[in-house]
């Protein structure tokens, strides 16, 4: 069987940072060799991140990287711009683009990532010339973040199953088929958020914008449901489907993200930051921060400087 890697212990990332990852799995052609008849495939990985982890500047020469968020939220920095993603979103970096996690971290979330060589010849992924050129041009115009919905999870799982096959012919067919499906879902998304009414989606977006602008705001689920003009139970379930997180958890993570920004970009004391974000005390703030980030606010600030 191919030498894929899966572990639930303290591990070290490519930059030498140690951290705890839960249920991490990776497959790289560097370690396992190329897939027969799919030389375009470079890497697949999945992570269920329980504590925020470092993700510093990195680049993939000649390759696209696609990061899909299955659960939670994550942000990415590229050329001075921060891109926010939530459950069902894909962020991509093009060949040669230096990118990193927002504030050089990835928040607790569950995600998949895939690295492919850029389309550069007819017959890429064994497609006819017209189809490979269409993919090449479509990737050039692709928005940095695309909502593709949750059907992609099954395609990623099928790709993993294909990589773990021992029969080379079957492995190549399954890997290529799964990649084709993922590219179609990315370039021609159909599921997106159609299961939630458009007017409710707009209300969600307005509420999320307020959460970001007023991180000290601490509404109850009932208050949020009233603002969206739906029942509390309907709000809870649809908001979780939309963002991948329960409402209060989503708000808390946005608040902690703002705390990270303040710790990195200002000289405000931890006490002042905690008060500005509506925490009753700096001790309570430190407890919540460590639950999400794995370190105290002071430790995080020292590591970021």
Protein backbone atom coordinates (compact mmCIF):
# COMPACT_ATOMS: atom_id res chain seq x y z
CA UNK A 1 0.00 0.00 0.00
CA UNK A 2 1.27 3.55 -0.69
CA UNK A 3 3.00 5.13 2.26
CA UNK A 4 0.38 7.70 3.26
CA UNK A 5 0.79 9.42 6.61
CA UNK A 6 -1.80 9.66 9.36
CA UNK A 7 -1.22 10.53 12.98
CA UNK A 8 -2.78 12.09 16.05
CA UNK A 9 0.27 13.39 17.88
CA UNK A 10 2.67 16.29 18.14
CA UNK A 11 4.12 16.82 14.67
CA UNK A 12 6.41 19.27 12.92
CA UNK A 13 5.40 21.36 9.91
CA UNK A 14 7.63 22.22 6.94
CA UNK A 15 8.93 25.27 8.79
CA UNK A 16 10.00 23.29 11.87
CA UNK A 17 7.15 24.43 14.11
CA UNK A 18 5.75 21.80 16.52
CA UNK A 19 2.04 21.62 17.18
CA UNK A 20 -0.79 19.19 17.91
CA UNK A 21 -2.81 18.03 14.94
CA UNK A 22 -5.70 15.62 15.15
CA UNK A 23 -6.43 13.20 12.32
CA UNK A 24 -3.84 14.54 9.89
CA UNK A 25 -3.38 12.61 6.65
CA UNK A 26 -1.11 13.41 3.69
CA UNK A 27 -0.03 11.76 0.48
CA UNK A 28 2.79 13.28 -1.57
CA UNK A 29 4.38 12.04 -4.77
CA UNK A 30 7.73 13.20 -3.37
CA UNK A 31 7.46 10.46 -0.74
CA UNK A 32 5.46 7.86 -2.66
CA UNK A 33 6.25 8.39 -6.32
CA UNK A 34 4.01 9.69 -9.08
CA UNK A 35 0.61 8.16 -9.81
CA UNK A 36 0.60 6.08 -13.02
CA UNK A 37 -0.90 8.13 -15.86
CA UNK A 38 -1.60 11.06 -13.48
CA UNK A 39 1.73 12.93 -13.33
CA UNK A 40 -0.20 16.15 -12.73
CA UNK A 41 -1.06 15.09 -9.17
CA UNK A 42 1.42 16.29 -6.52
CA UNK A 43 -0.21 16.16 -3.08
CA UNK A 44 -3.41 15.59 -1.13
CA UNK A 45 -3.86 16.32 2.56
CA UNK A 46 -6.57 16.60 5.18
CA UNK A 47 -6.49 18.09 8.66
CA UNK A 48 -8.92 18.28 11.54
CA UNK A 49 -7.28 21.14 13.42
CA UNK A 50 -8.29 21.47 17.06
CA UNK A 51 -5.87 24.26 18.01
CA UNK A 52 -4.68 27.09 15.77
CA UNK A 53 -1.41 26.19 14.05
CA UNK A 54 1.33 28.17 12.30
CA UNK A 55 1.22 28.48 8.52
CA UNK A 56 3.93 30.84 7.29
CA UNK A 57 4.82 32.07 3.80
CA UNK A 58 5.19 29.30 1.24
CA UNK A 59 4.99 28.91 -2.52
CA UNK A 60 4.35 26.12 -5.04
CA UNK A 61 6.36 26.60 -8.22
CA UNK A 62 4.53 25.38 -11.30
CA UNK A 63 1.54 24.21 -9.25
CA UNK A 64 -1.90 25.27 -8.10
CA UNK A 65 -2.92 24.70 -4.49
CA UNK A 66 -6.61 24.31 -3.64
CA UNK A 67 -7.71 24.46 0.01
CA UNK A 68 -11.27 23.35 0.81
CA UNK A 69 -12.85 24.08 4.19
CA UNK A 70 -15.12 21.25 5.28
CA UNK A 71 -15.91 22.71 8.71
CA UNK A 72 -15.14 25.97 10.47
CA UNK A 73 -13.48 29.09 9.11
CA UNK A 74 -9.99 29.88 7.83
CA UNK A 75 -8.32 32.92 6.34
CA UNK A 76 -5.43 33.25 3.91
CA UNK A 77 -3.06 36.08 3.01
CA UNK A 78 -1.79 36.63 -0.50
CA UNK A 79 -0.17 39.81 -1.89
CA UNK A 80 -1.32 41.87 1.08
CA UNK A 81 -4.96 40.78 0.85
CA UNK A 82 -6.74 38.59 3.41
CA UNK A 83 -9.24 36.09 2.00
CA UNK A 84 -11.78 34.59 4.37
CA UNK A 85 -13.20 31.12 3.83
CA UNK A 86 -15.86 29.13 5.61
CA UNK A 87 -17.38 25.70 5.29
CA UNK A 88 -17.93 24.80 1.63
CA UNK A 89 -15.40 27.36 0.32
CA UNK A 90 -12.26 26.78 -1.74
CA UNK A 91 -9.28 29.13 -1.70
CA UNK A 92 -6.63 28.71 -4.37
CA UNK A 93 -3.10 29.95 -4.93
CA UNK A 94 -1.63 30.03 -8.42
CA UNK A 95 1.86 28.84 -9.40
CA UNK A 96 4.60 30.93 -7.87
CA UNK A 97 2.31 32.93 -5.55
CA UNK A 98 3.63 33.45 -2.03
CA UNK A 99 0.81 32.85 0.45
CA UNK A 100 0.22 32.00 4.09
CA UNK A 101 -2.49 31.62 6.71
CA UNK A 102 -4.13 34.80 7.98
CA UNK A 103 -1.71 36.31 10.53
CA UNK A 104 0.47 33.26 9.72
CA UNK A 105 -1.96 30.85 11.39
CA UNK A 106 -4.81 28.54 10.49
CA UNK A 107 -7.71 28.60 12.92
CA UNK A 108 -9.35 25.42 14.24
CA UNK A 109 -11.18 23.90 11.29
CA UNK A 110 -11.40 20.80 9.14
CA UNK A 111 -9.92 21.17 5.68
CA UNK A 112 -8.55 19.39 2.64
CA UNK A 113 -5.85 20.63 0.31
CA UNK A 114 -4.72 19.43 -3.11
CA UNK A 115 -1.72 20.44 -5.20
CA UNK A 116 -1.69 19.92 -8.98
CA UNK A 117 0.74 20.98 -11.66
CA UNK A 118 -0.63 23.84 -13.74
CA UNK A 119 -2.23 22.97 -17.11
CA UNK A 120 0.62 23.38 -19.57
CA UNK A 121 0.09 20.95 -22.42
CA UNK A 122 -2.59 19.23 -24.43
CA UNK A 123 -3.61 16.01 -22.76
CA UNK A 124 -3.30 17.39 -19.23
CA UNK A 125 -5.04 14.85 -16.97
CA UNK A 126 -5.52 12.84 -20.19
CA UNK A 127 -8.16 15.30 -21.40
CA UNK A 128 -8.74 16.26 -25.04
CA UNK A 129 -6.93 19.47 -26.08
CA UNK A 130 -10.07 21.59 -26.02
CA UNK A 131 -11.00 20.51 -22.50
CA UNK A 132 -7.53 21.01 -21.02
CA UNK A 133 -7.33 24.50 -22.58
CA UNK A 134 -10.79 25.33 -21.17
CA UNK A 135 -9.59 24.37 -17.69
CA UNK A 136 -6.43 26.44 -18.15
CA UNK A 137 -8.40 29.54 -19.16
CA UNK A 138 -11.07 28.98 -16.50
CA UNK A 139 -8.44 28.79 -13.77
CA UNK A 140 -7.00 32.11 -14.97
CA UNK A 141 -10.39 33.77 -14.39
CA UNK A 142 -11.33 31.90 -11.21
CA UNK A 143 -12.18 34.08 -8.18
CA UNK A 144 -9.76 33.60 -5.32
CA UNK A 145 -12.51 32.09 -3.13
CA UNK A 146 -15.33 29.96 -4.55
CA UNK A 147 -18.28 28.46 -2.66
CA UNK A 148 -18.76 24.93 -4.05
CA UNK A 149 -20.79 23.32 -1.27
CA UNK A 150 -20.33 20.02 0.49
CA UNK A 151 -20.52 17.52 -2.36
CA UNK A 152 -16.80 18.16 -2.73
CA UNK A 153 -16.20 16.26 0.53
CA UNK A 154 -17.15 12.99 -1.14
CA UNK A 155 -14.85 13.75 -4.09
CA UNK A 156 -11.93 14.37 -1.74
CA UNK A 157 -12.69 11.12 0.06
CA UNK A 158 -12.81 9.27 -3.26
CA UNK A 159 -9.46 10.79 -4.20
CA UNK A 160 -7.98 9.53 -0.93
CA UNK A 161 -9.44 6.06 -1.52
CA UNK A 162 -7.92 6.03 -4.99
CA UNK A 163 -4.49 6.97 -3.67
CA UNK A 164 -4.64 4.08 -1.19
CA UNK A 165 -5.38 1.44 -3.84
CA UNK A 166 -2.62 -1.08 -4.57
CA UNK A 167 -3.75 -1.89 -8.11
CA UNK A 168 -1.94 0.72 -10.20
CA UNK A 169 -4.44 0.80 -13.06
CA UNK A 170 -7.37 1.22 -10.68
CA UNK A 171 -5.45 3.79 -8.64
CA UNK A 172 -4.77 5.94 -11.69
CA UNK A 173 -8.38 5.77 -12.87
CA UNK A 174 -9.84 6.64 -9.44
CA UNK A 175 -7.40 9.49 -8.83
CA UNK A 176 -7.99 11.01 -12.25
CA UNK A 177 -11.78 10.65 -11.96
CA UNK A 178 -11.86 12.31 -8.52
CA UNK A 179 -9.70 15.20 -9.72
CA UNK A 180 -11.97 15.69 -12.74
CA UNK A 181 -14.98 15.86 -10.41
CA UNK A 182 -13.30 18.37 -8.12
CA UNK A 183 -12.29 20.61 -11.02
CA UNK A 184 -15.83 20.54 -12.41
CA UNK A 185 -17.27 21.43 -9.00
CA UNK A 186 -14.75 24.26 -8.71
CA UNK A 187 -15.12 25.70 -12.20
CA UNK A 188 -18.86 25.06 -12.59
CA UNK A 189 -20.27 25.16 -9.03
CA UNK A 190 -23.91 24.13 -8.88
CA UNK A 191 -24.72 23.34 -5.25
CA UNK A 192 -23.36 26.45 -3.54
CA UNK A 193 -25.94 27.71 -1.06
CA UNK A 194 -29.12 26.99 -2.93
CA UNK A 195 -30.54 24.93 -0.07
CA UNK A 196 -30.92 28.12 2.01
CA UNK A 197 -33.35 30.83 0.89
CA UNK A 198 -31.62 33.79 -0.76
CA UNK A 199 -33.25 36.34 1.54
CA UNK A 200 -32.00 34.43 4.58
CA UNK A 201 -28.50 34.25 3.10
CA UNK A 202 -28.49 38.03 2.72
CA UNK A 203 -29.52 38.39 6.37
CA UNK A 204 -26.74 36.00 7.38
CA UNK A 205 -24.21 38.08 5.47
CA UNK A 206 -25.43 41.28 7.15
CA UNK A 207 -25.21 39.67 10.58
CA UNK A 208 -21.73 38.33 9.88
CA UNK A 209 -20.63 41.78 8.71
CA UNK A 210 -21.84 43.23 12.00
CA UNK A 211 -20.05 40.47 13.95
CA UNK A 212 -16.83 41.43 12.20
CA UNK A 213 -17.32 45.18 12.67
CA UNK A 214 -18.44 44.92 16.30
CA UNK A 215 -16.46 42.04 17.85
CA UNK A 216 -17.63 43.10 21.32
CA UNK A 217 -21.25 42.38 20.30
CA UNK A 218 -22.59 39.37 22.21
CA UNK A 219 -26.04 38.49 20.89
CA UNK A 220 -27.96 35.40 21.92
CA UNK A 221 -29.11 32.90 19.31
CA UNK A 222 -32.65 34.19 19.87
CA UNK A 223 -31.55 37.77 19.11
CA UNK A 224 -29.88 36.59 15.92
CA UNK A 225 -32.94 34.58 14.92
CA UNK A 226 -35.17 37.60 15.53
CA UNK A 227 -32.91 39.73 13.34
CA UNK A 228 -33.20 37.12 10.59
CA UNK A 229 -36.99 36.80 11.09
CA UNK A 230 -36.89 33.03 11.58
CA UNK A 231 -37.32 30.69 14.51
CA UNK A 232 -34.39 30.04 16.82
CA UNK A 233 -34.10 26.39 15.80
CA UNK A 234 -34.26 27.20 12.08
CA UNK A 235 -31.65 29.94 12.48
CA UNK A 236 -29.32 27.66 14.44
CA UNK A 237 -29.40 24.82 11.91
CA UNK A 238 -29.24 26.94 8.75
CA UNK A 239 -26.50 29.19 10.12
CA UNK A 240 -24.44 26.13 11.03
CA UNK A 241 -25.03 24.69 7.56
CA UNK A 242 -23.97 28.02 6.01
CA UNK A 243 -20.82 28.55 8.10
CA UNK A 244 -19.99 25.06 9.33
CA UNK A 245 -20.20 26.23 12.95
CA UNK A 246 -22.86 26.93 15.60
CA UNK A 247 -23.63 30.68 15.81
CA UNK A 248 -21.98 31.38 19.18
CA UNK A 249 -18.84 29.43 18.25
CA UNK A 250 -18.65 31.31 14.96
CA UNK A 251 -18.90 34.66 16.76
CA UNK A 252 -16.28 33.66 19.33
CA UNK A 253 -13.84 32.64 16.63
CA UNK A 254 -14.29 35.96 14.84
CA UNK A 255 -13.65 37.68 18.17
CA UNK A 256 -10.46 35.69 18.72
CA UNK A 257 -9.38 36.48 15.17
CA UNK A 258 -9.75 40.19 15.95
CA UNK A 259 -7.77 39.63 19.14
CA UNK A 260 -4.96 38.13 17.05
CA UNK A 261 -4.97 41.19 14.82
CA UNK A 262 -4.80 43.57 17.79
CA UNK A 263 -2.03 41.56 19.44
CA UNK A 264 -0.01 41.57 16.22
CA UNK A 265 -0.64 45.12 14.99
CA UNK A 266 -0.99 47.23 18.16
CA UNK A 267 0.80 47.74 21.44
CA UNK A 268 -2.44 47.64 23.41
CA UNK A 269 -2.17 45.66 26.61
CA UNK A 270 -3.85 42.28 26.90
CA UNK A 271 -6.22 43.81 29.46
CA UNK A 272 -7.20 46.64 27.10
CA UNK A 273 -7.74 44.21 24.24
CA UNK A 274 -9.88 41.95 26.38
CA UNK A 275 -12.07 44.88 27.45
CA UNK A 276 -12.40 46.18 23.88
CA UNK A 277 -13.72 42.77 22.84
CA UNK A 278 -16.27 42.65 25.63
CA UNK A 279 -14.65 40.07 27.90
CA UNK A 280 -15.47 40.53 31.60
CA UNK A 281 -11.81 40.10 32.59
CA UNK A 282 -8.40 39.54 31.06
CA UNK A 283 -8.29 36.14 32.80
CA UNK A 284 -11.48 35.02 31.07
CA UNK A 285 -10.15 36.35 27.76
CA UNK A 286 -6.88 34.43 28.22
CA UNK A 287 -8.79 31.22 28.96
CA UNK A 288 -10.95 31.52 25.83
CA UNK A 289 -7.97 32.58 23.70
CA UNK A 290 -5.93 29.56 24.76
CA UNK A 291 -8.84 27.22 24.08
CA UNK A 292 -8.93 28.40 20.48
CA UNK A 293 -5.29 29.19 19.81
CA UNK A 294 -3.45 26.72 22.01
CA UNK A 295 -1.34 29.44 23.68
CA UNK A 296 -2.03 32.48 25.88
CA UNK A 297 -2.41 35.95 24.33
CA UNK A 298 1.03 36.95 25.60
CA UNK A 299 2.65 33.82 24.20
CA UNK A 300 0.96 34.37 20.86
CA UNK A 301 2.10 38.01 20.72
CA UNK A 302 5.69 37.03 21.52
CA UNK A 303 5.65 34.35 18.85
CA UNK A 304 4.25 36.80 16.29
CA UNK A 305 6.92 39.49 16.87
